[in-house]
Structure formats: structure tokens, C-alpha cells
N, C-alpha and C. Protein backbone atom coordinates (compact mmCIF):
# COMPACT_ATOMS: atom_id res chain seq x y z
N ASN A 1 -15.85 -6.36 12.64
CA ASN A 1 -15.39 -5.67 11.45
C ASN A 1 -14.90 -4.23 11.71
N LYS A 2 -15.03 -3.79 12.94
CA LYS A 2 -14.58 -2.43 13.28
C LYS A 2 -13.12 -2.48 13.76
N PRO A 3 -12.26 -1.61 13.21
CA PRO A 3 -10.86 -1.64 13.65
C PRO A 3 -10.72 -1.46 15.14
N ARG A 4 -9.87 -2.34 15.76
CA ARG A 4 -9.62 -2.22 17.17
C ARG A 4 -8.24 -2.85 17.45
N PRO A 5 -7.29 -2.06 17.91
CA PRO A 5 -5.93 -2.58 18.12
C PRO A 5 -5.86 -3.53 19.31
N THR A 6 -4.83 -4.35 19.32
CA THR A 6 -4.57 -5.23 20.45
C THR A 6 -3.09 -5.31 20.69
N ILE A 7 -2.68 -5.47 21.96
CA ILE A 7 -1.26 -5.62 22.27
C ILE A 7 -0.86 -7.08 22.24
N SER A 8 -1.80 -7.99 22.06
CA SER A 8 -1.48 -9.41 22.06
C SER A 8 -0.57 -9.77 20.87
N ASP A 9 0.42 -10.60 21.16
CA ASP A 9 1.28 -11.06 20.06
C ASP A 9 1.05 -12.57 19.79
N ASP A 10 -0.11 -13.05 20.19
CA ASP A 10 -0.48 -14.44 19.87
C ASP A 10 -0.47 -14.61 18.33
N MET A 11 0.01 -15.77 17.89
CA MET A 11 0.13 -16.01 16.45
C MET A 11 -1.20 -16.52 15.87
N VAL A 12 -1.53 -16.03 14.68
CA VAL A 12 -2.72 -16.45 13.99
C VAL A 12 -2.29 -16.96 12.61
N GLU A 13 -2.78 -18.11 12.21
CA GLU A 13 -2.42 -18.65 10.91
C GLU A 13 -3.53 -18.34 9.90
N ILE A 14 -3.19 -17.63 8.85
CA ILE A 14 -4.16 -17.20 7.87
C ILE A 14 -3.73 -17.74 6.50
N ARG A 15 -4.66 -18.30 5.77
CA ARG A 15 -4.42 -18.74 4.39
C ARG A 15 -5.16 -17.83 3.42
N ILE A 16 -4.44 -17.29 2.44
CA ILE A 16 -5.02 -16.50 1.36
C ILE A 16 -4.59 -17.16 0.07
N ASP A 17 -5.52 -17.83 -0.61
CA ASP A 17 -5.22 -18.55 -1.84
C ASP A 17 -4.07 -19.55 -1.55
N ASP A 18 -2.90 -19.34 -2.21
CA ASP A 18 -1.79 -20.29 -2.05
C ASP A 18 -0.77 -19.82 -1.01
N VAL A 19 -1.09 -18.79 -0.24
CA VAL A 19 -0.15 -18.19 0.71
C VAL A 19 -0.63 -18.45 2.14
N VAL A 20 0.28 -18.94 2.98
CA VAL A 20 -0.03 -19.16 4.40
C VAL A 20 0.83 -18.19 5.21
N LEU A 21 0.19 -17.46 6.08
CA LEU A 21 0.87 -16.44 6.89
C LEU A 21 0.68 -16.74 8.39
N SER A 22 1.77 -16.59 9.13
CA SER A 22 1.67 -16.68 10.58
C SER A 22 1.83 -15.25 11.11
N VAL A 23 0.74 -14.70 11.64
CA VAL A 23 0.68 -13.28 11.93
C VAL A 23 0.49 -13.02 13.42
N PRO A 24 1.37 -12.22 14.05
CA PRO A 24 1.11 -11.79 15.40
C PRO A 24 -0.14 -10.92 15.46
N ALA A 25 -0.98 -11.13 16.44
CA ALA A 25 -2.29 -10.45 16.51
C ALA A 25 -2.17 -8.94 16.50
N ASN A 26 -1.06 -8.38 17.07
CA ASN A 26 -0.96 -6.92 17.15
C ASN A 26 -0.61 -6.28 15.80
N TYR A 27 -0.47 -7.07 14.75
CA TYR A 27 -0.32 -6.52 13.39
C TYR A 27 -1.66 -6.47 12.67
N THR A 28 -2.70 -7.08 13.24
CA THR A 28 -4.01 -7.14 12.61
C THR A 28 -4.84 -5.92 13.00
N GLU A 29 -5.55 -5.37 12.02
CA GLU A 29 -6.37 -4.21 12.26
C GLU A 29 -7.76 -4.58 12.79
N LEU A 30 -8.29 -5.68 12.29
CA LEU A 30 -9.67 -6.07 12.62
C LEU A 30 -9.72 -7.27 13.54
N PRO A 31 -10.56 -7.26 14.55
CA PRO A 31 -10.67 -8.41 15.46
C PRO A 31 -10.99 -9.72 14.74
N ARG A 32 -11.73 -9.66 13.64
CA ARG A 32 -12.09 -10.90 12.94
C ARG A 32 -10.89 -11.62 12.38
N ASP A 33 -9.79 -10.87 12.16
CA ASP A 33 -8.58 -11.49 11.62
C ASP A 33 -7.68 -12.10 12.69
N ARG A 34 -8.16 -12.15 13.93
CA ARG A 34 -7.40 -12.74 15.02
C ARG A 34 -7.87 -14.17 15.26
N ARG A 35 -8.55 -14.75 14.29
CA ARG A 35 -8.91 -16.15 14.30
C ARG A 35 -8.29 -16.81 13.10
N SER A 36 -7.66 -17.93 13.27
CA SER A 36 -7.01 -18.63 12.18
C SER A 36 -8.07 -19.10 11.15
N GLY A 37 -7.68 -19.18 9.89
CA GLY A 37 -8.56 -19.65 8.84
C GLY A 37 -8.24 -19.05 7.48
N GLU A 38 -9.13 -19.28 6.53
CA GLU A 38 -8.95 -18.77 5.18
C GLU A 38 -9.61 -17.39 5.06
N ARG A 39 -8.96 -16.53 4.26
CA ARG A 39 -9.46 -15.17 4.03
C ARG A 39 -9.37 -14.80 2.56
N GLU A 40 -10.26 -13.89 2.16
CA GLU A 40 -10.14 -13.28 0.84
C GLU A 40 -9.16 -12.10 0.95
N GLN A 41 -9.22 -11.40 2.09
CA GLN A 41 -8.35 -10.26 2.35
C GLN A 41 -7.93 -10.25 3.81
N LEU A 42 -6.73 -9.74 4.04
CA LEU A 42 -6.23 -9.58 5.40
C LEU A 42 -5.72 -8.16 5.53
N PHE A 43 -6.18 -7.45 6.59
CA PHE A 43 -5.81 -6.06 6.79
C PHE A 43 -4.82 -5.94 7.95
N LEU A 44 -3.61 -5.50 7.64
CA LEU A 44 -2.53 -5.36 8.65
C LEU A 44 -2.08 -3.94 8.73
N TYR A 45 -1.40 -3.64 9.83
CA TYR A 45 -0.73 -2.35 9.93
C TYR A 45 0.53 -2.48 10.75
N ALA A 46 1.45 -1.53 10.52
CA ALA A 46 2.72 -1.54 11.23
C ALA A 46 3.21 -0.11 11.34
N ALA A 47 4.07 0.15 12.31
CA ALA A 47 4.60 1.49 12.54
C ALA A 47 5.99 1.61 11.89
N TRP A 48 6.13 2.58 11.01
CA TRP A 48 7.40 2.87 10.36
C TRP A 48 8.27 3.68 11.32
N PRO A 49 9.60 3.44 11.39
CA PRO A 49 10.39 2.67 10.43
C PRO A 49 10.71 1.23 10.88
N ARG A 50 10.38 0.85 12.07
CA ARG A 50 10.78 -0.50 12.56
C ARG A 50 9.77 -1.56 12.18
N MET A 51 8.70 -1.18 11.55
CA MET A 51 7.63 -2.11 11.12
C MET A 51 7.16 -2.95 12.28
N GLU A 52 6.88 -2.27 13.39
CA GLU A 52 6.39 -2.95 14.57
C GLU A 52 4.87 -2.98 14.58
N GLY A 53 4.32 -3.99 15.22
CA GLY A 53 2.87 -4.08 15.42
C GLY A 53 2.45 -3.10 16.52
N TYR A 54 1.16 -3.07 16.78
CA TYR A 54 0.62 -2.12 17.74
C TYR A 54 1.22 -2.32 19.15
N THR A 55 1.56 -1.19 19.76
CA THR A 55 1.93 -1.12 21.17
C THR A 55 1.28 0.10 21.79
N ARG A 56 1.12 0.10 23.07
CA ARG A 56 0.50 1.26 23.71
C ARG A 56 1.34 2.50 23.49
N ALA A 57 2.68 2.35 23.42
CA ALA A 57 3.54 3.48 23.21
C ALA A 57 3.33 4.17 21.85
N ARG A 58 2.86 3.38 20.87
CA ARG A 58 2.62 3.91 19.53
C ARG A 58 1.13 4.07 19.23
N HIS A 59 0.33 4.18 20.28
CA HIS A 59 -1.12 4.22 20.15
C HIS A 59 -1.59 5.29 19.15
N THR A 60 -1.01 6.50 19.26
CA THR A 60 -1.45 7.60 18.42
C THR A 60 -1.25 7.31 16.96
N ASP A 61 -0.09 6.72 16.60
CA ASP A 61 0.19 6.41 15.20
C ASP A 61 -0.84 5.44 14.63
N PHE A 62 -1.30 4.50 15.43
CA PHE A 62 -2.22 3.49 14.95
C PHE A 62 -3.67 3.93 14.93
N THR A 63 -4.03 4.87 15.75
CA THR A 63 -5.45 5.18 15.91
C THR A 63 -5.85 6.56 15.42
N GLU A 64 -4.88 7.46 15.18
CA GLU A 64 -5.22 8.79 14.70
C GLU A 64 -4.70 8.97 13.28
N ASN A 65 -5.52 9.51 12.42
CA ASN A 65 -5.16 9.67 10.99
C ASN A 65 -4.50 11.03 10.78
N ARG A 66 -3.33 11.19 11.39
CA ARG A 66 -2.60 12.45 11.28
C ARG A 66 -1.80 12.53 9.96
N PRO A 67 -1.55 13.71 9.41
CA PRO A 67 -0.77 13.82 8.20
C PRO A 67 0.61 13.22 8.28
N ASP A 68 1.17 13.20 9.51
CA ASP A 68 2.53 12.67 9.68
C ASP A 68 2.55 11.33 10.40
N SER A 69 1.41 10.64 10.43
CA SER A 69 1.33 9.34 11.09
C SER A 69 2.30 8.40 10.41
N ARG A 70 2.98 7.60 11.26
CA ARG A 70 3.95 6.63 10.74
C ARG A 70 3.33 5.24 10.51
N ARG A 71 2.06 5.18 10.54
CA ARG A 71 1.35 3.93 10.32
C ARG A 71 1.41 3.54 8.84
N ILE A 72 1.77 2.30 8.58
CA ILE A 72 1.75 1.73 7.24
C ILE A 72 0.59 0.73 7.20
N ASP A 73 -0.37 0.93 6.30
CA ASP A 73 -1.48 0.01 6.13
C ASP A 73 -1.17 -0.98 5.02
N ILE A 74 -1.37 -2.27 5.29
CA ILE A 74 -1.01 -3.32 4.35
C ILE A 74 -2.23 -4.24 4.15
N THR A 75 -2.60 -4.42 2.93
CA THR A 75 -3.68 -5.37 2.59
C THR A 75 -3.08 -6.50 1.76
N ILE A 76 -3.36 -7.74 2.17
CA ILE A 76 -2.95 -8.89 1.40
C ILE A 76 -4.23 -9.59 0.99
N GLY A 77 -4.42 -9.84 -0.32
CA GLY A 77 -5.69 -10.39 -0.73
C GLY A 77 -5.60 -11.24 -2.00
N VAL A 78 -6.69 -11.90 -2.29
CA VAL A 78 -6.79 -12.71 -3.52
C VAL A 78 -6.83 -11.78 -4.71
N LYS A 79 -5.99 -12.05 -5.68
CA LYS A 79 -5.83 -11.18 -6.85
C LYS A 79 -6.99 -11.40 -7.80
N ARG A 80 -7.73 -10.32 -8.12
CA ARG A 80 -8.87 -10.37 -9.04
C ARG A 80 -8.53 -9.74 -10.37
N ASN A 81 -7.64 -8.74 -10.39
CA ASN A 81 -7.24 -8.11 -11.62
C ASN A 81 -6.30 -9.06 -12.39
N PRO A 82 -6.58 -9.33 -13.66
CA PRO A 82 -5.73 -10.30 -14.39
C PRO A 82 -4.36 -9.75 -14.75
N PHE A 83 -4.16 -8.45 -14.61
CA PHE A 83 -2.90 -7.83 -15.03
C PHE A 83 -1.90 -7.69 -13.92
N SER A 84 -0.63 -7.77 -14.26
CA SER A 84 0.44 -7.52 -13.31
C SER A 84 0.59 -6.01 -13.10
N GLU A 85 1.41 -5.63 -12.17
CA GLU A 85 1.65 -4.20 -11.89
C GLU A 85 2.11 -3.45 -13.15
N LEU A 86 3.06 -4.00 -13.90
CA LEU A 86 3.55 -3.32 -15.10
C LEU A 86 2.54 -3.38 -16.25
N GLN A 87 1.76 -4.45 -16.30
CA GLN A 87 0.71 -4.51 -17.31
C GLN A 87 -0.36 -3.47 -17.04
N ARG A 88 -0.68 -3.25 -15.76
CA ARG A 88 -1.64 -2.21 -15.42
C ARG A 88 -1.11 -0.83 -15.84
N LEU A 89 0.15 -0.61 -15.63
CA LEU A 89 0.77 0.67 -16.04
C LEU A 89 0.61 0.87 -17.54
N GLU A 90 0.88 -0.16 -18.32
CA GLU A 90 0.84 -0.04 -19.78
C GLU A 90 -0.59 0.03 -20.33
N ILE A 91 -1.46 -0.84 -19.78
CA ILE A 91 -2.78 -1.03 -20.37
C ILE A 91 -3.82 -0.07 -19.75
N GLN A 92 -3.78 0.09 -18.44
CA GLN A 92 -4.81 0.84 -17.73
C GLN A 92 -4.48 2.30 -17.48
N TYR A 93 -3.23 2.60 -17.18
CA TYR A 93 -2.86 3.96 -16.77
C TYR A 93 -2.31 4.81 -17.92
N THR A 94 -1.37 4.29 -18.69
CA THR A 94 -0.69 5.10 -19.69
C THR A 94 -1.63 5.79 -20.68
N PRO A 95 -2.70 5.14 -21.15
CA PRO A 95 -3.58 5.85 -22.10
C PRO A 95 -4.21 7.13 -21.52
N HIS A 96 -4.19 7.28 -20.22
CA HIS A 96 -4.88 8.44 -19.60
C HIS A 96 -3.84 9.50 -19.15
N LEU A 97 -2.57 9.32 -19.49
CA LEU A 97 -1.54 10.26 -19.04
C LEU A 97 -1.38 11.43 -20.02
N VAL A 98 -1.02 12.57 -19.49
CA VAL A 98 -0.74 13.75 -20.33
C VAL A 98 0.51 13.47 -21.16
N ASP A 99 1.53 12.89 -20.53
CA ASP A 99 2.80 12.57 -21.22
C ASP A 99 3.25 11.18 -20.76
N ALA A 100 3.26 10.24 -21.70
CA ALA A 100 3.62 8.88 -21.36
C ALA A 100 5.07 8.73 -20.91
N GLU A 101 5.93 9.73 -21.23
CA GLU A 101 7.32 9.68 -20.84
C GLU A 101 7.51 10.17 -19.40
N GLY A 102 6.61 11.00 -18.92
CA GLY A 102 6.74 11.54 -17.57
C GLY A 102 7.86 12.54 -17.48
N THR A 103 8.09 13.03 -16.26
CA THR A 103 9.17 14.00 -16.03
C THR A 103 9.97 13.54 -14.81
N PRO A 104 11.29 13.74 -14.81
CA PRO A 104 12.09 13.35 -13.66
C PRO A 104 11.63 14.08 -12.40
N TYR A 105 11.61 13.36 -11.30
CA TYR A 105 11.15 13.88 -10.03
C TYR A 105 12.18 13.54 -8.97
N GLU A 106 12.08 14.19 -7.82
CA GLU A 106 13.00 13.91 -6.73
C GLU A 106 12.77 12.45 -6.21
N HIS A 107 13.68 12.02 -5.38
CA HIS A 107 13.63 10.69 -4.74
C HIS A 107 13.78 9.57 -5.77
N ASP A 108 14.49 9.89 -6.91
CA ASP A 108 14.71 8.89 -7.96
C ASP A 108 13.40 8.36 -8.54
N LEU A 109 12.44 9.23 -8.67
CA LEU A 109 11.16 8.86 -9.24
C LEU A 109 10.89 9.62 -10.54
N THR A 110 10.02 9.05 -11.36
CA THR A 110 9.51 9.75 -12.52
C THR A 110 8.03 10.05 -12.27
N LYS A 111 7.60 11.28 -12.51
CA LYS A 111 6.25 11.68 -12.20
C LYS A 111 5.41 11.77 -13.47
N TYR A 112 4.19 11.34 -13.38
CA TYR A 112 3.23 11.36 -14.47
C TYR A 112 1.96 12.07 -14.00
N VAL A 113 1.31 12.79 -14.94
CA VAL A 113 0.09 13.52 -14.64
C VAL A 113 -1.04 12.95 -15.50
N PHE A 114 -2.18 12.72 -14.88
CA PHE A 114 -3.33 12.21 -15.63
C PHE A 114 -4.08 13.37 -16.27
N LYS A 115 -4.70 13.08 -17.42
CA LYS A 115 -5.51 14.07 -18.12
C LYS A 115 -6.72 14.46 -17.24
N SER A 116 -7.06 15.71 -17.31
CA SER A 116 -8.19 16.21 -16.48
C SER A 116 -9.55 15.91 -17.09
N GLY A 117 -9.60 15.68 -18.42
CA GLY A 117 -10.86 15.35 -19.05
C GLY A 117 -11.60 16.57 -19.57
N THR A 118 -12.48 16.31 -20.54
CA THR A 118 -13.29 17.38 -21.13
C THR A 118 -14.72 16.87 -21.20
N ALA A 119 -15.62 17.73 -21.70
CA ALA A 119 -17.02 17.31 -21.85
C ALA A 119 -17.14 16.14 -22.84
N GLU A 120 -16.28 16.15 -23.87
CA GLU A 120 -16.32 15.10 -24.88
C GLU A 120 -15.59 13.84 -24.40
N ASN A 121 -14.52 14.05 -23.63
CA ASN A 121 -13.71 12.94 -23.11
C ASN A 121 -13.58 13.09 -21.58
N PRO A 122 -14.51 12.49 -20.87
CA PRO A 122 -14.51 12.63 -19.41
C PRO A 122 -13.19 12.10 -18.80
N ALA A 123 -12.84 12.62 -17.65
CA ALA A 123 -11.61 12.23 -16.98
C ALA A 123 -11.71 10.76 -16.52
N SER A 124 -10.57 10.12 -16.44
CA SER A 124 -10.51 8.75 -15.95
C SER A 124 -10.70 8.77 -14.43
N GLY A 125 -10.78 7.58 -13.88
CA GLY A 125 -10.88 7.48 -12.42
C GLY A 125 -9.61 7.75 -11.69
N TYR A 126 -8.55 8.08 -12.43
CA TYR A 126 -7.24 8.34 -11.82
C TYR A 126 -6.91 9.81 -11.75
N SER A 127 -7.76 10.67 -12.27
CA SER A 127 -7.40 12.09 -12.44
C SER A 127 -7.17 12.83 -11.14
N ASP A 128 -7.61 12.29 -10.02
CA ASP A 128 -7.38 12.95 -8.73
C ASP A 128 -6.12 12.47 -8.07
N LYS A 129 -5.28 11.72 -8.82
CA LYS A 129 -4.05 11.15 -8.27
C LYS A 129 -2.87 11.51 -9.14
N GLU A 130 -1.68 11.39 -8.57
CA GLU A 130 -0.44 11.50 -9.33
C GLU A 130 0.19 10.10 -9.38
N LEU A 131 0.87 9.82 -10.48
CA LEU A 131 1.52 8.53 -10.66
C LEU A 131 3.01 8.70 -10.67
N TYR A 132 3.72 7.78 -10.01
CA TYR A 132 5.18 7.82 -10.00
C TYR A 132 5.72 6.40 -10.29
N THR A 133 6.85 6.36 -10.94
CA THR A 133 7.55 5.08 -11.11
C THR A 133 9.00 5.25 -10.64
N GLY A 134 9.55 4.15 -10.18
CA GLY A 134 10.94 4.12 -9.76
C GLY A 134 11.41 2.69 -9.65
N ILE A 135 12.68 2.52 -9.46
CA ILE A 135 13.27 1.19 -9.33
C ILE A 135 13.46 0.88 -7.85
N ALA A 136 12.77 -0.17 -7.38
CA ALA A 136 12.84 -0.58 -5.99
C ALA A 136 14.20 -1.20 -5.68
N THR A 137 14.49 -1.35 -4.41
CA THR A 137 15.79 -1.94 -4.00
C THR A 137 15.92 -3.38 -4.47
N THR A 138 14.82 -4.06 -4.73
CA THR A 138 14.84 -5.43 -5.20
C THR A 138 14.99 -5.48 -6.73
N GLY A 139 15.08 -4.34 -7.39
CA GLY A 139 15.39 -4.30 -8.82
C GLY A 139 14.25 -4.15 -9.78
N GLU A 140 12.99 -4.32 -9.31
CA GLU A 140 11.88 -4.21 -10.22
C GLU A 140 11.35 -2.77 -10.27
N LYS A 141 10.61 -2.50 -11.36
CA LYS A 141 10.01 -1.20 -11.50
C LYS A 141 8.78 -1.13 -10.62
N ALA A 142 8.67 -0.10 -9.80
CA ALA A 142 7.55 0.08 -8.90
C ALA A 142 6.65 1.19 -9.43
N VAL A 143 5.35 1.00 -9.25
CA VAL A 143 4.33 1.97 -9.67
C VAL A 143 3.62 2.48 -8.40
N LEU A 144 3.75 3.77 -8.14
CA LEU A 144 3.13 4.34 -6.93
C LEU A 144 2.11 5.42 -7.34
N PHE A 145 1.04 5.50 -6.57
CA PHE A 145 0.07 6.56 -6.71
C PHE A 145 0.14 7.43 -5.47
N CYS A 146 -0.03 8.73 -5.64
CA CYS A 146 -0.13 9.65 -4.50
C CYS A 146 -1.29 10.59 -4.71
N TYR A 147 -1.97 10.93 -3.64
CA TYR A 147 -2.94 11.99 -3.69
C TYR A 147 -2.18 13.30 -3.47
N PRO A 148 -2.44 14.32 -4.29
CA PRO A 148 -1.68 15.60 -4.16
C PRO A 148 -2.07 16.32 -2.87
N GLU A 149 -1.16 17.18 -2.46
CA GLU A 149 -1.45 18.05 -1.31
C GLU A 149 -2.63 18.97 -1.65
N ASP A 150 -3.60 19.02 -0.77
CA ASP A 150 -4.79 19.86 -0.99
C ASP A 150 -5.37 20.26 0.34
N PRO A 151 -5.31 21.53 0.67
CA PRO A 151 -5.80 22.00 1.99
C PRO A 151 -7.29 21.73 2.20
N ASP A 152 -8.03 21.50 1.10
CA ASP A 152 -9.48 21.29 1.22
C ASP A 152 -9.82 19.80 1.43
N ARG A 153 -8.81 18.93 1.31
CA ARG A 153 -9.08 17.50 1.52
C ARG A 153 -9.40 17.22 2.98
N VAL A 154 -10.42 16.38 3.19
CA VAL A 154 -10.80 16.03 4.54
C VAL A 154 -9.76 15.11 5.16
N LEU A 155 -9.25 14.17 4.36
CA LEU A 155 -8.25 13.20 4.84
C LEU A 155 -6.86 13.59 4.35
N PRO A 156 -5.85 13.38 5.18
CA PRO A 156 -4.47 13.70 4.78
C PRO A 156 -4.04 12.82 3.59
N PRO A 157 -3.26 13.38 2.65
CA PRO A 157 -2.92 12.67 1.44
C PRO A 157 -2.01 11.45 1.74
N GLU A 158 -2.22 10.39 0.98
CA GLU A 158 -1.45 9.17 1.11
C GLU A 158 -0.87 8.78 -0.24
N CYS A 159 0.07 7.86 -0.18
CA CYS A 159 0.64 7.20 -1.36
C CYS A 159 0.45 5.71 -1.18
N PHE A 160 0.40 4.99 -2.32
CA PHE A 160 0.21 3.54 -2.22
C PHE A 160 0.80 2.81 -3.41
N ARG A 161 1.12 1.56 -3.17
CA ARG A 161 1.62 0.68 -4.23
C ARG A 161 0.93 -0.67 -4.10
N GLU A 162 0.63 -1.31 -5.24
CA GLU A 162 0.08 -2.69 -5.23
C GLU A 162 0.98 -3.54 -6.14
N PHE A 163 1.43 -4.65 -5.57
CA PHE A 163 2.28 -5.57 -6.35
C PHE A 163 1.84 -7.01 -6.10
N GLU A 164 2.34 -7.93 -6.91
CA GLU A 164 1.96 -9.33 -6.81
C GLU A 164 2.91 -10.07 -5.85
N LEU A 165 2.30 -10.75 -4.85
CA LEU A 165 3.11 -11.60 -3.99
C LEU A 165 3.31 -12.94 -4.65
N THR A 166 2.22 -13.50 -5.21
CA THR A 166 2.24 -14.71 -6.06
C THR A 166 1.29 -14.47 -7.23
N SER A 167 1.15 -15.42 -8.08
CA SER A 167 0.23 -15.25 -9.22
C SER A 167 -1.18 -15.05 -8.78
N GLY A 168 -1.52 -15.48 -7.56
CA GLY A 168 -2.92 -15.39 -7.10
C GLY A 168 -3.15 -14.46 -5.94
N VAL A 169 -2.08 -13.80 -5.45
CA VAL A 169 -2.19 -12.96 -4.25
C VAL A 169 -1.46 -11.64 -4.46
N TYR A 170 -2.11 -10.54 -4.06
CA TYR A 170 -1.49 -9.23 -4.18
C TYR A 170 -1.20 -8.66 -2.80
N VAL A 171 -0.31 -7.70 -2.75
CA VAL A 171 -0.03 -6.89 -1.57
C VAL A 171 -0.20 -5.42 -1.93
N LYS A 172 -0.97 -4.69 -1.15
CA LYS A 172 -1.13 -3.26 -1.33
C LYS A 172 -0.78 -2.57 -0.04
N TYR A 173 0.08 -1.56 -0.08
CA TYR A 173 0.40 -0.82 1.15
C TYR A 173 0.21 0.66 0.93
N ARG A 174 -0.11 1.36 2.02
CA ARG A 174 -0.35 2.80 1.99
C ARG A 174 0.48 3.48 3.09
N PHE A 175 0.95 4.67 2.78
CA PHE A 175 1.67 5.46 3.77
C PHE A 175 1.42 6.93 3.51
N LYS A 176 1.66 7.79 4.49
CA LYS A 176 1.38 9.22 4.36
C LYS A 176 2.39 9.88 3.42
N ARG A 177 1.89 10.80 2.64
CA ARG A 177 2.70 11.44 1.59
C ARG A 177 4.00 12.06 2.09
N PRO A 178 4.06 12.65 3.30
CA PRO A 178 5.33 13.24 3.74
C PRO A 178 6.49 12.25 3.73
N TYR A 179 6.21 10.95 3.66
CA TYR A 179 7.28 9.96 3.68
C TYR A 179 7.60 9.43 2.28
N LEU A 180 7.14 10.12 1.24
CA LEU A 180 7.45 9.70 -0.12
C LEU A 180 8.96 9.65 -0.34
N SER A 181 9.70 10.52 0.31
CA SER A 181 11.15 10.52 0.15
C SER A 181 11.78 9.21 0.62
N GLU A 182 11.03 8.47 1.46
CA GLU A 182 11.53 7.20 1.99
C GLU A 182 10.88 5.98 1.33
N TRP A 183 10.31 6.19 0.12
CA TRP A 183 9.49 5.16 -0.49
C TRP A 183 10.24 3.82 -0.67
N ARG A 184 11.53 3.92 -1.04
CA ARG A 184 12.29 2.67 -1.26
C ARG A 184 12.43 1.85 0.04
N LYS A 185 12.74 2.58 1.14
CA LYS A 185 12.91 1.91 2.42
C LYS A 185 11.57 1.35 2.90
N ILE A 186 10.48 2.11 2.69
CA ILE A 186 9.16 1.59 3.08
C ILE A 186 8.82 0.36 2.28
N ASP A 187 9.03 0.39 0.96
CA ASP A 187 8.78 -0.74 0.10
C ASP A 187 9.57 -1.96 0.58
N GLU A 188 10.83 -1.76 0.88
CA GLU A 188 11.66 -2.85 1.36
C GLU A 188 11.17 -3.37 2.72
N GLY A 189 10.75 -2.45 3.59
CA GLY A 189 10.23 -2.88 4.89
C GLY A 189 8.96 -3.68 4.81
N VAL A 190 8.05 -3.30 3.88
CA VAL A 190 6.83 -4.06 3.71
C VAL A 190 7.13 -5.46 3.19
N LYS A 191 8.01 -5.54 2.21
CA LYS A 191 8.36 -6.86 1.67
C LYS A 191 9.04 -7.75 2.71
N ARG A 192 9.89 -7.15 3.52
CA ARG A 192 10.57 -7.92 4.56
C ARG A 192 9.57 -8.40 5.59
N LEU A 193 8.61 -7.56 5.97
CA LEU A 193 7.58 -7.97 6.94
C LEU A 193 6.75 -9.09 6.38
N VAL A 194 6.22 -8.93 5.19
CA VAL A 194 5.36 -9.96 4.58
C VAL A 194 6.14 -11.26 4.40
N GLY A 195 7.41 -11.16 3.97
CA GLY A 195 8.22 -12.35 3.82
C GLY A 195 8.41 -13.06 5.14
N GLY A 196 8.60 -12.27 6.21
CA GLY A 196 8.75 -12.89 7.54
C GLY A 196 7.48 -13.57 8.03
N LEU A 197 6.34 -13.01 7.67
CA LEU A 197 5.07 -13.64 8.04
C LEU A 197 4.89 -14.97 7.31
N GLN A 198 5.36 -15.04 6.10
CA GLN A 198 5.31 -16.29 5.34
C GLN A 198 6.24 -17.33 5.92
N GLY A 199 7.37 -16.83 6.43
CA GLY A 199 8.35 -17.76 6.97
C GLY A 199 8.07 -18.17 8.40
N GLY A 200 7.03 -17.51 9.02
CA GLY A 200 6.72 -17.78 10.43
C GLY A 200 6.05 -19.10 10.62
């Protein structure tokens, strides 16, 4: 269960609910996922921008949590939340926003701020994050969360998105905040990688 990279590109067949993936071992983060079989969750990673699996040449990106690391973390798992990405935006997130309309932001995004909370109305579990929406290259509305820049944070800030691969399986990916300007290309790269694993 401890992360350990491998240069092996041996193929592993993983089933998650109704999805079957053929995964090169060097895309897997955990040694346990290098055995074929059924999983509740699969933890993958790849180096941006070529979405390559682990190699010795990219060792630092995969093993060090630097603010500018080009590692993309991808989780594929059985969907437990009954809501879709846009339903979560409407039902779970919007009631806690300062302004439901948001404000235009760079990189073709709209930015939303969560309420900080008071003694009478405690803050939601999202108040330490910023929310963004934008239109992905595939045409759907994407919902992204980012941790704000904070010099006191122990870990470098990241951004993430979670979307549905099928009705029973979700994909969640994370990347370092400095690459928010490339969010569309990252989103496209993750979808292309996951689609290729399905087609393998």
C-alpha cells in the first residue's frame, strides 16, 4: 500500500464496476495495483504534458511533491455519490457560495468564493478552497477546485476535478496550481489517457 514507482510497462487488467482497464505498470502508484483483478479504486499517475508513466528520467516529478511538479494524479473508482458533477455544483456547492453567479476569471474560467462562516452559521467543508467552472474542450461544463496560494501551507496547492466516466465509475485528477492556465489541455490529456486504457 506504500507508493513505489516502477519502470515496468507490463500490462495489468483491472476491473472497476463496469469498466475494464489495461494499464501499463509504470502508470500505477501502488504495488498492489500491479496485479490484475477487481478494484474499488485505482491510483494512477502520469507526467504532464505527454502523460507518460514513470521513467527514471522523470523520477523527481513522480517522487517529490514540488510546487511545480508536473505529476498528474488520477484516481478511478466506484462512484458512491449519487449526484453527477453538475448536480453536485447545484445541490452541494452553490448554497455555500458568496455569489452564485461568480466572477469572470482568467483562463476562460468563472471563479466562485465560499462563505467563511460565522458562529451562528459555521463554514462548510469547502471554505478552504476556491471553485472554478469552465467549458472543457469536449463541450461539457467542468467544475474545478483549487487550494489558494498560502505561504503557511505545508503542502503546495493543487487543483482537482471529479467527473463521471460511466454511471458507476468516477475519475478524479489532481495537478499543481501553477498549471491552472493549462487546465483544458490537462483535462483533455487525462480523458485521452483513460480512454486509451479502456481501449487497451
